[in-house]
Amino acid sequence: MRNKYVLVSENINVIEEEFTLAEPNSMICKPLFIYLGFLEKKLFSNTYFPKKPVIPGSSGVAKVIEDPSGRRGDLSGKLVIVKPFSRHGLIGLERNGLLTHFASIPPENIWGFINQPKPFHAIIPYVSHAINLVELGEDPSIVLGCNIIGIAVALVLKKTGREEPVIVCENPPRSVKRLGLEIYESISATSKSYSTVYVADGDFPFIHDSLHELNYRNVIISSYVMLKYLPLKREFEAKIISTFDDKSSNYSLVSSISTTLMKALSYVEINDISESILLLPPRDLGVIVNVKRVREDSSSGFSNKHI
C-alpha cells in the first residue's frame, strides 16, 4: 500500500513511500476528516521543539483498514474518532498524526465509534475535554485563551445555563466573532476576582501576567497547553487541577457544541495530502481537512518499521 504524508521538521515536506509503515501495536487507518488547529500551530512556533520530524494532525475521523498484529481484527472497517492523547503521547506532536493517506494509530487513541462520519466529529475530543474542564470549575469564571478548547469552554458554560465567562486572549481569531462571544484583548479591561480561572493558552508571559493580576480560588488547566510552570501568586492559596480527560457521557451536548464551533472553522476538501501544506500553519481557530480520493487496498504493503 503506497503512502504519502506531510512531514514537519525544519521544513514542510511531502514524502511518498512504497509501504505504509505500521508502528508496533498500532492500527492502519485511513483518515477521512483531519482537524488542524492550535496543537499544529505549536510545530511552527518558538515554544515547542519536536524531538524528531513528525506528521501533524492531532484529531479527526478515520476508517480502520487493518490491525497488523491480528489481535484486534474485529476493528477492521470501523469508523473511529481519533483523539490526540493516550499513554503513547500526543499524536501530531510527540508521535505521528493523521495528515497522511494512511496513518498508524494506537487503539488507545480511539475516542469512540461512529456510523456516519461528519466534519464536526473531528473536533469532538477537544469539545468533550472542554466539558470535563467546565464540570471541575465554579462560577464566576474567566477563560484565558482563544484556541478551540478555550472557546469550547465558553460555549459549554453558555449552553448549560452557567454564568457566562469572561474570555481574554491577546490576538483573538477573527472567525470567533461568528459565535457571538465577547472577547477582551487585555486582562486590564476585565474584573479581577473570579472563582475559577480556566487556562487554555500555553503562552507563558500572557498566563503569568494574567494570574498575577487576578484573584481566584480554582485554576483549571487543560494539559494540552503544555505549560511547564504555573506562575501563581505566592500569597494566594488555590486549588489547581490539570487534566487531559476527554470523555463525556453527554453526547448531545458534545454534538451541539461541536456543530456550533464549525461556524468558526474552515473546511477544505483535497484530493491529495500534498495539497494540505498550503493550510500549514493553520489560521484562526483551525481547519478541518477532508481527503477525498485515496484508494484502499489492505491486502498487502505493510512494514513494521518506525517512522
C-alpha atoms as a PDB file:
ATOM      1  CA  MET A   1       0.000   0.000   0.000  1.00  0.00           C
ATOM      2  CA  ARG A   2       1.682   3.192  -1.174  1.00  0.00           C
ATOM      3  CA  ASN A   3       1.531   6.055   1.247  1.00  0.00           C
ATOM      4  CA  LYS A   4       2.020   9.796   1.126  1.00  0.00           C
ATOM      5  CA  TYR A   5       2.280  12.065   4.137  1.00  0.00           C
ATOM      6  CA  VAL A   6       3.258  15.533   5.292  1.00  0.00           C
ATOM      7  CA  LEU A   7       6.361  15.639   7.479  1.00  0.00           C
ATOM      8  CA  VAL A   8       7.265  18.705   9.541  1.00  0.00           C
ATOM      9  CA  SER A   9      10.851  19.281  10.644  1.00  0.00           C
ATOM     10  CA  GLU A  10      12.759  22.452   9.852  1.00  0.00           C
ATOM     11  CA  ASN A  11      10.731  22.496   6.655  1.00  0.00           C
ATOM     12  CA  ILE A  12       7.427  21.057   5.458  1.00  0.00           C
ATOM     13  CA  ASN A  13       7.958  18.064   3.186  1.00  0.00           C
ATOM     14  CA  VAL A  14       5.661  15.697   1.332  1.00  0.00           C
ATOM     15  CA  ILE A  15       7.009  12.147   1.466  1.00  0.00           C
ATOM     16  CA  GLU A  16       5.853   9.275  -0.737  1.00  0.00           C
ATOM     17  CA  GLU A  17       6.757   5.669   0.074  1.00  0.00           C
ATOM     18  CA  GLU A  18       6.025   2.210  -1.281  1.00  0.00           C
ATOM     19  CA  PHE A  19       4.820   0.936   2.093  1.00  0.00           C
ATOM     20  CA  THR A  20       2.585   2.129   4.884  1.00  0.00           C
ATOM     21  CA  LEU A  21       4.782   1.999   7.972  1.00  0.00           C
ATOM     22  CA  ALA A  22       2.937   0.361  10.863  1.00  0.00           C
ATOM     23  CA  GLU A  23       4.250   1.129  14.323  1.00  0.00           C
ATOM     24  CA  PRO A  24       4.100  -1.708  16.896  1.00  0.00           C
ATOM     25  CA  ASN A  25       0.678  -2.314  18.486  1.00  0.00           C
ATOM     26  CA  SER A  26      -0.983   0.184  16.159  1.00  0.00           C
ATOM     27  CA  MET A  27      -3.756   0.046  13.581  1.00  0.00           C
ATOM     28  CA  ILE A  28      -3.561   1.166   9.985  1.00  0.00           C
ATOM     29  CA  CYS A  29      -6.245   3.799   9.434  1.00  0.00           C
ATOM     30  CA  LYS A  30      -7.407   5.880   6.511  1.00  0.00           C
ATOM     31  CA  PRO A  31      -8.033   9.460   7.753  1.00  0.00           C
ATOM     32  CA  LEU A  32     -11.299  10.918   6.469  1.00  0.00           C
ATOM     33  CA  PHE A  33     -11.512  14.222   8.353  1.00  0.00           C
ATOM     34  CA  ILE A  34      -8.463  15.821   9.990  1.00  0.00           C
ATOM     35  CA  TYR A  35      -8.548  18.793  12.350  1.00  0.00           C
ATOM     36  CA  LEU A  36      -5.546  21.122  12.182  1.00  0.00           C
ATOM     37  CA  GLY A  37      -5.571  23.688  14.976  1.00  0.00           C
ATOM     38  CA  PHE A  38      -3.668  25.001  17.955  1.00  0.00           C
ATOM     39  CA  LEU A  39      -1.515  21.890  18.513  1.00  0.00           C
ATOM     40  CA  GLU A  40      -0.342  22.077  14.910  1.00  0.00           C
ATOM     41  CA  LYS A  41       0.437  25.767  15.407  1.00  0.00           C
ATOM     42  CA  LYS A  42       2.906  24.719  18.109  1.00  0.00           C
ATOM     43  CA  LEU A  43       5.009  22.980  15.457  1.00  0.00           C
ATOM     44  CA  PHE A  44       5.573  26.353  13.812  1.00  0.00           C
ATOM     45  CA  SER A  45       6.078  28.396  16.981  1.00  0.00           C
ATOM     46  CA  ASN A  46       9.109  29.180  19.094  1.00  0.00           C
ATOM     47  CA  THR A  47       7.608  27.487  22.156  1.00  0.00           C
ATOM     48  CA  TYR A  48       7.699  23.819  21.130  1.00  0.00           C
ATOM     49  CA  PHE A  49      10.554  21.873  19.575  1.00  0.00           C
ATOM     50  CA  PRO A  50       9.736  18.307  18.475  1.00  0.00           C
ATOM     51  CA  LYS A  51      12.393  15.708  19.184  1.00  0.00           C
ATOM     52  CA  LYS A  52      12.099  14.324  15.661  1.00  0.00           C
ATOM     53  CA  PRO A  53      10.288  15.122  12.403  1.00  0.00           C
ATOM     54  CA  VAL A  54       6.594  14.432  12.824  1.00  0.00           C
ATOM     55  CA  ILE A  55       3.414  14.014  10.796  1.00  0.00           C
ATOM     56  CA  PRO A  56       0.890  16.606  12.081  1.00  0.00           C
ATOM     57  CA  GLY A  57      -2.829  16.051  12.565  1.00  0.00           C
ATOM     58  CA  SER A  58      -3.867  15.629  16.193  1.00  0.00           C
ATOM     59  CA  SER A  59      -7.517  14.604  15.949  1.00  0.00           C
ATOM     60  CA  GLY A  60     -10.015  13.505  13.358  1.00  0.00           C
ATOM     61  CA  VAL A  61     -12.105  10.720  11.905  1.00  0.00           C
ATOM     62  CA  ALA A  62     -10.602   7.615  10.333  1.00  0.00           C
ATOM     63  CA  LYS A  63     -11.559   4.232   8.951  1.00  0.00           C
ATOM     64  CA  VAL A  64      -9.660   1.275  10.392  1.00  0.00           C
ATOM     65  CA  ILE A  65      -8.158  -0.625   7.462  1.00  0.00           C
ATOM     66  CA  GLU A  66      -6.194  -3.319   9.232  1.00  0.00           C
ATOM     67  CA  ASP A  67      -4.612  -4.315  12.511  1.00  0.00           C
ATOM     68  CA  PRO A  68      -1.250  -5.856  11.547  1.00  0.00           C
ATOM     69  CA  SER A  69      -0.944  -7.527  14.954  1.00  0.00           C
ATOM     70  CA  GLY A  70      -4.087  -9.556  14.227  1.00  0.00           C
ATOM     71  CA  ARG A  71      -5.229  -9.214  17.836  1.00  0.00           C
ATOM     72  CA  ARG A  72      -7.989  -6.705  17.114  1.00  0.00           C
ATOM     73  CA  GLY A  73      -9.172  -7.795  13.697  1.00  0.00           C
ATOM     74  CA  ASP A  74     -12.774  -7.041  14.607  1.00  0.00           C
ATOM     75  CA  LEU A  75     -11.942  -3.320  14.332  1.00  0.00           C
ATOM     76  CA  SER A  76     -11.288  -3.535  10.595  1.00  0.00           C
ATOM     77  CA  GLY A  77     -13.797  -1.418   8.707  1.00  0.00           C
ATOM     78  CA  LYS A  78     -14.864   0.521  11.813  1.00  0.00           C
ATOM     79  CA  LEU A  79     -15.182   4.302  11.684  1.00  0.00           C
ATOM     80  CA  VAL A  80     -13.437   5.873  14.660  1.00  0.00           C
ATOM     81  CA  ILE A  81     -12.947   9.298  16.197  1.00  0.00           C
ATOM     82  CA  VAL A  82      -9.237   9.730  16.896  1.00  0.00           C
ATOM     83  CA  LYS A  83      -8.227  11.728  19.961  1.00  0.00           C
ATOM     84  CA  PRO A  84      -4.856  13.436  20.471  1.00  0.00           C
ATOM     85  CA  PHE A  85      -3.729  11.955  23.783  1.00  0.00           C
ATOM     86  CA  SER A  86      -3.059   8.458  25.086  1.00  0.00           C
ATOM     87  CA  ARG A  87      -0.321   6.823  27.142  1.00  0.00           C
ATOM     88  CA  HIS A  88       1.744   6.826  23.941  1.00  0.00           C
ATOM     89  CA  GLY A  89       1.853  10.639  23.903  1.00  0.00           C
ATOM     90  CA  LEU A  90       0.264  13.335  21.766  1.00  0.00           C
ATOM     91  CA  ILE A  91      -0.214  12.352  18.153  1.00  0.00           C
ATOM     92  CA  GLY A  92       0.751  15.084  15.745  1.00  0.00           C
ATOM     93  CA  LEU A  93       3.382  16.374  18.180  1.00  0.00           C
ATOM     94  CA  GLU A  94       5.115  13.559  20.059  1.00  0.00           C
ATOM     95  CA  ARG A  95       4.264  10.818  17.573  1.00  0.00           C
ATOM     96  CA  ASN A  96       2.977  10.778  14.017  1.00  0.00           C
ATOM     97  CA  GLY A  97      -0.526  12.065  13.372  1.00  0.00           C
ATOM     98  CA  LEU A  98      -3.241  11.984  10.737  1.00  0.00           C
ATOM     99  CA  LEU A  99      -2.010  14.207   7.896  1.00  0.00           C
ATOM    100  CA  THR A 100      -1.292  11.196   5.737  1.00  0.00           C
ATOM    101  CA  HIS A 101      -3.141   8.952   3.318  1.00  0.00           C
ATOM    102  CA  PHE A 102      -2.731   6.045   5.753  1.00  0.00           C
ATOM    103  CA  ALA A 103      -1.941   6.543   9.450  1.00  0.00           C
ATOM    104  CA  SER A 104      -0.514   4.256  12.122  1.00  0.00           C
ATOM    105  CA  ILE A 105      -2.589   4.922  15.245  1.00  0.00           C
ATOM    106  CA  PRO A 106      -2.634   3.103  18.632  1.00  0.00           C
ATOM    107  CA  PRO A 107      -6.085   1.790  19.587  1.00  0.00           C
ATOM    108  CA  GLU A 108      -5.788   3.795  22.830  1.00  0.00           C
ATOM    109  CA  ASN A 109      -6.265   6.909  20.685  1.00  0.00           C
ATOM    110  CA  ILE A 110      -9.792   5.878  19.722  1.00  0.00           C
ATOM    111  CA  TRP A 111     -12.241   8.296  21.364  1.00  0.00           C
ATOM    112  CA  GLY A 112     -15.293   6.445  20.095  1.00  0.00           C
ATOM    113  CA  PHE A 113     -17.047   4.828  17.142  1.00  0.00           C
ATOM    114  CA  ILE A 114     -19.478   6.376  14.657  1.00  0.00           C
ATOM    115  CA  ASN A 115     -21.659   5.197  11.775  1.00  0.00           C
ATOM    116  CA  GLN A 116     -21.930   8.286   9.573  1.00  0.00           C
ATOM    117  CA  PRO A 117     -18.771  10.441   9.647  1.00  0.00           C
ATOM    118  CA  LYS A 118     -19.253  14.200   9.532  1.00  0.00           C
ATOM    119  CA  PRO A 119     -16.704  17.041   9.701  1.00  0.00           C
ATOM    120  CA  PHE A 120     -17.680  18.101  13.245  1.00  0.00           C
ATOM    121  CA  HIS A 121     -16.713  14.654  14.549  1.00  0.00           C
ATOM    122  CA  ALA A 122     -13.056  15.652  14.024  1.00  0.00           C
ATOM    123  CA  ILE A 123     -13.159  18.134  16.932  1.00  0.00           C
ATOM    124  CA  ILE A 124     -15.268  16.094  19.345  1.00  0.00           C
ATOM    125  CA  PRO A 125     -12.311  15.048  21.577  1.00  0.00           C
ATOM    126  CA  TYR A 126     -11.495  18.706  22.269  1.00  0.00           C
ATOM    127  CA  VAL A 127     -15.129  19.601  22.947  1.00  0.00           C
ATOM    128  CA  SER A 128     -15.560  16.633  25.272  1.00  0.00           C
ATOM    129  CA  HIS A 129     -12.376  17.735  27.044  1.00  0.00           C
ATOM    130  CA  ALA A 130     -13.821  21.247  27.465  1.00  0.00           C
ATOM    131  CA  ILE A 131     -16.993  19.811  29.015  1.00  0.00           C
ATOM    132  CA  ASN A 132     -14.879  17.992  31.590  1.00  0.00           C
ATOM    133  CA  LEU A 133     -12.994  21.191  32.408  1.00  0.00           C
ATOM    134  CA  VAL A 134     -16.274  23.047  32.980  1.00  0.00           C
ATOM    135  CA  GLU A 135     -17.536  20.320  35.304  1.00  0.00           C
ATOM    136  CA  LEU A 136     -14.488  20.922  37.515  1.00  0.00           C
ATOM    137  CA  GLY A 137     -14.973  24.689  37.793  1.00  0.00           C
ATOM    138  CA  GLU A 138     -17.248  27.100  39.649  1.00  0.00           C
ATOM    139  CA  ASP A 139     -18.811  30.425  38.673  1.00  0.00           C
ATOM    140  CA  PRO A 140     -17.939  33.211  38.134  1.00  0.00           C
ATOM    141  CA  SER A 141     -15.100  32.309  35.813  1.00  0.00           C
ATOM    142  CA  ILE A 142     -12.600  33.665  33.333  1.00  0.00           C
ATOM    143  CA  VAL A 143     -11.132  31.828  30.335  1.00  0.00           C
ATOM    144  CA  LEU A 144      -7.535  32.584  29.354  1.00  0.00           C
ATOM    145  CA  GLY A 145      -7.029  31.659  25.723  1.00  0.00           C
ATOM    146  CA  CYS A 146      -8.997  31.584  22.483  1.00  0.00           C
ATOM    147  CA  ASN A 147      -7.991  28.275  20.952  1.00  0.00           C
ATOM    148  CA  ILE A 148     -10.640  25.628  20.337  1.00  0.00           C
ATOM    149  CA  ILE A 149     -10.546  24.457  23.968  1.00  0.00           C
ATOM    150  CA  GLY A 150     -10.981  27.930  25.459  1.00  0.00           C
ATOM    151  CA  ILE A 151     -13.811  28.807  23.084  1.00  0.00           C
ATOM    152  CA  ALA A 152     -15.472  25.434  23.696  1.00  0.00           C
ATOM    153  CA  VAL A 153     -15.315  26.029  27.474  1.00  0.00           C
ATOM    154  CA  ALA A 154     -17.095  29.368  27.000  1.00  0.00           C
ATOM    155  CA  LEU A 155     -19.750  27.809  24.755  1.00  0.00           C
ATOM    156  CA  VAL A 156     -20.374  24.969  27.211  1.00  0.00           C
ATOM    157  CA  LEU A 157     -20.861  27.413  30.088  1.00  0.00           C
ATOM    158  CA  LYS A 158     -23.272  29.456  27.977  1.00  0.00           C
ATOM    159  CA  LYS A 159     -25.177  26.443  26.618  1.00  0.00           C
ATOM    160  CA  THR A 160     -25.667  24.812  30.022  1.00  0.00           C
ATOM    161  CA  GLY A 161     -27.055  27.936  31.676  1.00  0.00           C
ATOM    162  CA  ARG A 162     -23.997  28.613  33.790  1.00  0.00           C
ATOM    163  CA  GLU A 163     -22.753  32.153  34.303  1.00  0.00           C
ATOM    164  CA  GLU A 164     -21.190  33.324  31.046  1.00  0.00           C
ATOM    165  CA  PRO A 165     -17.422  33.648  31.487  1.00  0.00           C
ATOM    166  CA  VAL A 166     -15.086  36.492  30.687  1.00  0.00           C
ATOM    167  CA  ILE A 167     -12.792  35.490  27.803  1.00  0.00           C
ATOM    168  CA  VAL A 168      -9.353  37.024  27.381  1.00  0.00           C
ATOM    169  CA  CYS A 169      -6.749  36.481  24.689  1.00  0.00           C
ATOM    170  CA  GLU A 170      -4.223  38.806  23.139  1.00  0.00           C
ATOM    171  CA  ASN A 171      -4.938  38.028  19.486  1.00  0.00           C
ATOM    172  CA  PRO A 172      -8.466  36.620  19.179  1.00  0.00           C
ATOM    173  CA  PRO A 173      -9.175  34.696  15.965  1.00  0.00           C
ATOM    174  CA  ARG A 174     -11.360  36.754  13.659  1.00  0.00           C
ATOM    175  CA  SER A 175     -13.610  33.790  12.943  1.00  0.00           C
ATOM    176  CA  VAL A 176     -14.659  33.561  16.620  1.00  0.00           C
ATOM    177  CA  LYS A 177     -16.779  36.686  16.127  1.00  0.00           C
ATOM    178  CA  ARG A 178     -19.279  34.452  14.301  1.00  0.00           C
ATOM    179  CA  LEU A 179     -20.054  32.730  17.609  1.00  0.00           C
ATOM    180  CA  GLY A 180     -21.361  35.849  19.349  1.00  0.00           C
ATOM    181  CA  LEU A 181     -18.871  35.750  22.218  1.00  0.00           C
ATOM    182  CA  GLU A 182     -17.428  38.888  23.777  1.00  0.00           C
ATOM    183  CA  ILE A 183     -13.650  38.667  23.980  1.00  0.00           C
ATOM    184  CA  TYR A 184     -11.241  41.009  25.743  1.00  0.00           C
ATOM    185  CA  GLU A 185      -7.726  41.501  24.411  1.00  0.00           C
ATOM    186  CA  SER A 186      -6.281  42.682  27.722  1.00  0.00           C
ATOM    187  CA  ILE A 187      -6.697  41.454  31.282  1.00  0.00           C
ATOM    188  CA  SER A 188      -6.683  45.081  32.439  1.00  0.00           C
ATOM    189  CA  ALA A 189     -10.120  45.603  30.853  1.00  0.00           C
ATOM    190  CA  THR A 190     -11.802  42.930  32.996  1.00  0.00           C
ATOM    191  CA  SER A 191     -12.909  42.382  36.561  1.00  0.00           C
ATOM    192  CA  LYS A 192     -10.148  40.964  38.750  1.00  0.00           C
ATOM    193  CA  SER A 193     -11.967  38.484  41.032  1.00  0.00           C
ATOM    194  CA  TYR A 194     -13.228  35.040  39.957  1.00  0.00           C
ATOM    195  CA  SER A 195     -13.930  31.693  41.488  1.00  0.00           C
ATOM    196  CA  THR A 196     -12.313  29.804  38.596  1.00  0.00           C
ATOM    197  CA  VAL A 197      -9.634  30.549  36.040  1.00  0.00           C
ATOM    198  CA  TYR A 198      -9.667  28.212  33.022  1.00  0.00           C
ATOM    199  CA  VAL A 199      -6.199  28.100  31.446  1.00  0.00           C
ATOM    200  CA  ALA A 200      -6.441  27.240  27.746  1.00  0.00           C
ATOM    201  CA  ASP A 201      -3.330  29.026  26.479  1.00  0.00           C
ATOM    202  CA  GLY A 202       0.310  27.988  26.680  1.00  0.00           C
ATOM    203  CA  ASP A 203       1.765  31.477  26.208  1.00  0.00           C
ATOM    204  CA  PHE A 204       3.740  31.764  29.455  1.00  0.00           C
ATOM    205  CA  PRO A 205       4.081  35.594  29.553  1.00  0.00           C
ATOM    206  CA  PHE A 206       0.332  36.007  28.968  1.00  0.00           C
ATOM    207  CA  ILE A 207      -0.595  33.445  31.643  1.00  0.00           C
ATOM    208  CA  HIS A 208       1.989  34.873  34.055  1.00  0.00           C
ATOM    209  CA  ASP A 209       0.688  38.430  33.738  1.00  0.00           C
ATOM    210  CA  SER A 210      -2.948  37.324  33.927  1.00  0.00           C
ATOM    211  CA  LEU A 211      -2.614  35.146  37.028  1.00  0.00           C
ATOM    212  CA  HIS A 212      -0.662  37.849  38.829  1.00  0.00           C
ATOM    213  CA  GLU A 213      -3.413  40.407  38.214  1.00  0.00           C
ATOM    214  CA  LEU A 214      -6.350  38.164  39.128  1.00  0.00           C
ATOM    215  CA  ASN A 215      -7.854  36.902  42.376  1.00  0.00           C
ATOM    216  CA  TYR A 216      -9.168  33.322  42.227  1.00  0.00           C
ATOM    217  CA  ARG A 217      -9.852  30.127  44.187  1.00  0.00           C
ATOM    218  CA  ASN A 218      -9.543  27.497  41.458  1.00  0.00           C
ATOM    219  CA  VAL A 219      -7.270  27.110  38.450  1.00  0.00           C
ATOM    220  CA  ILE A 220      -8.413  24.519  35.902  1.00  0.00           C
ATOM    221  CA  ILE A 221      -5.745  23.807  33.296  1.00  0.00           C
ATOM    222  CA  SER A 222      -6.046  21.994  30.011  1.00  0.00           C
ATOM    223  CA  SER A 223      -2.961  19.801  29.856  1.00  0.00           C
ATOM    224  CA  TYR A 224      -2.975  20.305  26.087  1.00  0.00           C
ATOM    225  CA  VAL A 225      -1.498  23.785  26.569  1.00  0.00           C
ATOM    226  CA  MET A 226       1.701  22.094  27.825  1.00  0.00           C
ATOM    227  CA  LEU A 227       2.644  24.672  30.448  1.00  0.00           C
ATOM    228  CA  LYS A 228       5.827  23.610  32.219  1.00  0.00           C
ATOM    229  CA  TYR A 229       5.354  26.083  35.065  1.00  0.00           C
ATOM    230  CA  LEU A 230       2.282  27.721  36.558  1.00  0.00           C
ATOM    231  CA  PRO A 231       3.057  31.262  37.747  1.00  0.00           C
ATOM    232  CA  LEU A 232       0.732  31.591  40.743  1.00  0.00           C
ATOM    233  CA  LYS A 233       0.736  34.408  43.253  1.00  0.00           C
ATOM    234  CA  ARG A 234       2.778  33.423  46.290  1.00  0.00           C
ATOM    235  CA  GLU A 235       0.317  34.927  48.751  1.00  0.00           C
ATOM    236  CA  PHE A 236      -2.636  33.029  47.282  1.00  0.00           C
ATOM    237  CA  GLU A 237      -3.971  29.587  48.049  1.00  0.00           C
ATOM    238  CA  ALA A 238      -5.798  27.963  45.153  1.00  0.00           C
ATOM    239  CA  LYS A 239      -6.928  24.524  44.059  1.00  0.00           C
ATOM    240  CA  ILE A 240      -5.051  23.501  40.913  1.00  0.00           C
ATOM    241  CA  ILE A 241      -6.356  20.830  38.545  1.00  0.00           C
ATOM    242  CA  SER A 242      -4.655  19.865  35.280  1.00  0.00           C
ATOM    243  CA  THR A 243      -6.191  17.208  33.062  1.00  0.00           C
ATOM    244  CA  PHE A 244      -6.227  15.586  29.616  1.00  0.00           C
ATOM    245  CA  ASP A 245      -9.611  13.971  30.353  1.00  0.00           C
ATOM    246  CA  ASP A 246     -11.652  13.882  27.142  1.00  0.00           C
ATOM    247  CA  LYS A 247     -14.549  11.501  27.796  1.00  0.00           C
ATOM    248  CA  SER A 248     -18.062  12.834  28.323  1.00  0.00           C
ATOM    249  CA  SER A 249     -21.309  10.907  28.628  1.00  0.00           C
ATOM    250  CA  ASN A 250     -23.329  13.931  27.478  1.00  0.00           C
ATOM    251  CA  TYR A 251     -23.092  13.199  23.759  1.00  0.00           C
ATOM    252  CA  SER A 252     -25.946  15.539  22.833  1.00  0.00           C
ATOM    253  CA  LEU A 253     -24.046  18.452  24.401  1.00  0.00           C
ATOM    254  CA  VAL A 254     -20.803  17.334  22.741  1.00  0.00           C
ATOM    255  CA  SER A 255     -22.529  17.266  19.345  1.00  0.00           C
ATOM    256  CA  SER A 256     -24.279  20.604  19.893  1.00  0.00           C
ATOM    257  CA  ILE A 257     -21.089  22.463  20.857  1.00  0.00           C
ATOM    258  CA  SER A 258     -19.089  20.791  18.071  1.00  0.00           C
ATOM    259  CA  THR A 259     -21.691  21.814  15.497  1.00  0.00           C
ATOM    260  CA  THR A 260     -21.656  25.398  16.787  1.00  0.00           C
ATOM    261  CA  LEU A 261     -17.861  25.544  16.594  1.00  0.00           C
ATOM    262  CA  MET A 262     -17.994  24.608  12.913  1.00  0.00           C
ATOM    263  CA  LYS A 263     -19.198  28.177  12.241  1.00  0.00           C
ATOM    264  CA  ALA A 264     -15.731  29.419  13.225  1.00  0.00           C
ATOM    265  CA  LEU A 265     -13.704  26.711  11.457  1.00  0.00           C
ATOM    266  CA  SER A 266     -12.617  26.436   7.851  1.00  0.00           C
ATOM    267  CA  TYR A 267     -13.480  23.310   5.883  1.00  0.00           C
ATOM    268  CA  VAL A 268     -11.374  22.217   2.911  1.00  0.00           C
ATOM    269  CA  GLU A 269     -11.683  19.206   0.611  1.00  0.00           C
ATOM    270  CA  ILE A 270      -8.499  17.938  -1.025  1.00  0.00           C
ATOM    271  CA  ASN A 271      -7.752  15.074  -3.402  1.00  0.00           C
ATOM    272  CA  ASP A 272      -4.157  14.529  -2.336  1.00  0.00           C
ATOM    273  CA  ILE A 273      -2.446  15.000   1.020  1.00  0.00           C
ATOM    274  CA  SER A 274       0.208  17.196  -0.616  1.00  0.00           C
ATOM    275  CA  GLU A 275      -2.424  19.919  -1.062  1.00  0.00           C
ATOM    276  CA  SER A 276      -2.651  20.298   2.722  1.00  0.00           C
ATOM    277  CA  ILE A 277       0.740  22.014   3.032  1.00  0.00           C
ATOM    278  CA  LEU A 278      -0.983  25.234   1.948  1.00  0.00           C
ATOM    279  CA  LEU A 279      -3.016  25.009   5.169  1.00  0.00           C
ATOM    280  CA  LEU A 280       0.038  24.967   7.462  1.00  0.00           C
ATOM    281  CA  PRO A 281       0.374  26.559   9.885  1.00  0.00           C
ATOM    282  CA  PRO A 282      -3.407  26.647  10.438  1.00  0.00           C
ATOM    283  CA  ARG A 283      -5.024  30.061  10.741  1.00  0.00           C
ATOM    284  CA  ASP A 284      -7.650  31.384  13.143  1.00  0.00           C
ATOM    285  CA  LEU A 285      -9.393  28.592  15.070  1.00  0.00           C
ATOM    286  CA  GLY A 286      -8.219  25.961  12.605  1.00  0.00           C
ATOM    287  CA  VAL A 287      -9.336  23.946   9.611  1.00  0.00           C
ATOM    288  CA  ILE A 288     -10.935  20.562   9.017  1.00  0.00           C
ATOM    289  CA  VAL A 289      -9.466  18.752   6.032  1.00  0.00           C
ATOM    290  CA  ASN A 290     -11.351  16.115   4.064  1.00  0.00           C
ATOM    291  CA  VAL A 291      -9.082  13.875   1.992  1.00  0.00           C
ATOM    292  CA  LYS A 292     -11.405  12.738  -0.778  1.00  0.00           C
ATOM    293  CA  ARG A 293      -9.707  10.286  -3.118  1.00  0.00           C
ATOM    294  CA  VAL A 294      -7.450   7.688  -1.580  1.00  0.00           C
ATOM    295  CA  ARG A 295      -7.740   4.129  -2.848  1.00  0.00           C
ATOM    296  CA  GLU A 296      -7.948   1.467  -0.157  1.00  0.00           C
ATOM    297  CA  ASP A 297      -6.021  -1.751  -0.599  1.00  0.00           C
ATOM    298  CA  SER A 298      -5.481  -3.511   2.693  1.00  0.00           C
ATOM    299  CA  SER A 299      -4.287  -6.775   1.162  1.00  0.00           C
ATOM    300  CA  SER A 300      -0.574  -6.013   1.207  1.00  0.00           C
ATOM    301  CA  GLY A 301       2.146  -3.472   1.679  1.00  0.00           C
ATOM    302  CA  PHE A 302       2.709  -3.129   5.417  1.00  0.00           C
ATOM    303  CA  SER A 303       6.024  -2.681   7.133  1.00  0.00           C
ATOM    304  CA  ASN A 304       6.556  -2.782  10.898  1.00  0.00           C
ATOM    305  CA  LYS A 305       9.324  -0.189  10.898  1.00  0.00           C
ATOM    306  CA  HIS A 306       9.158   3.023  12.859  1.00  0.00           C
ATOM    307  CA  ILE A 307       8.874   6.294  11.005  1.00  0.00           C
END
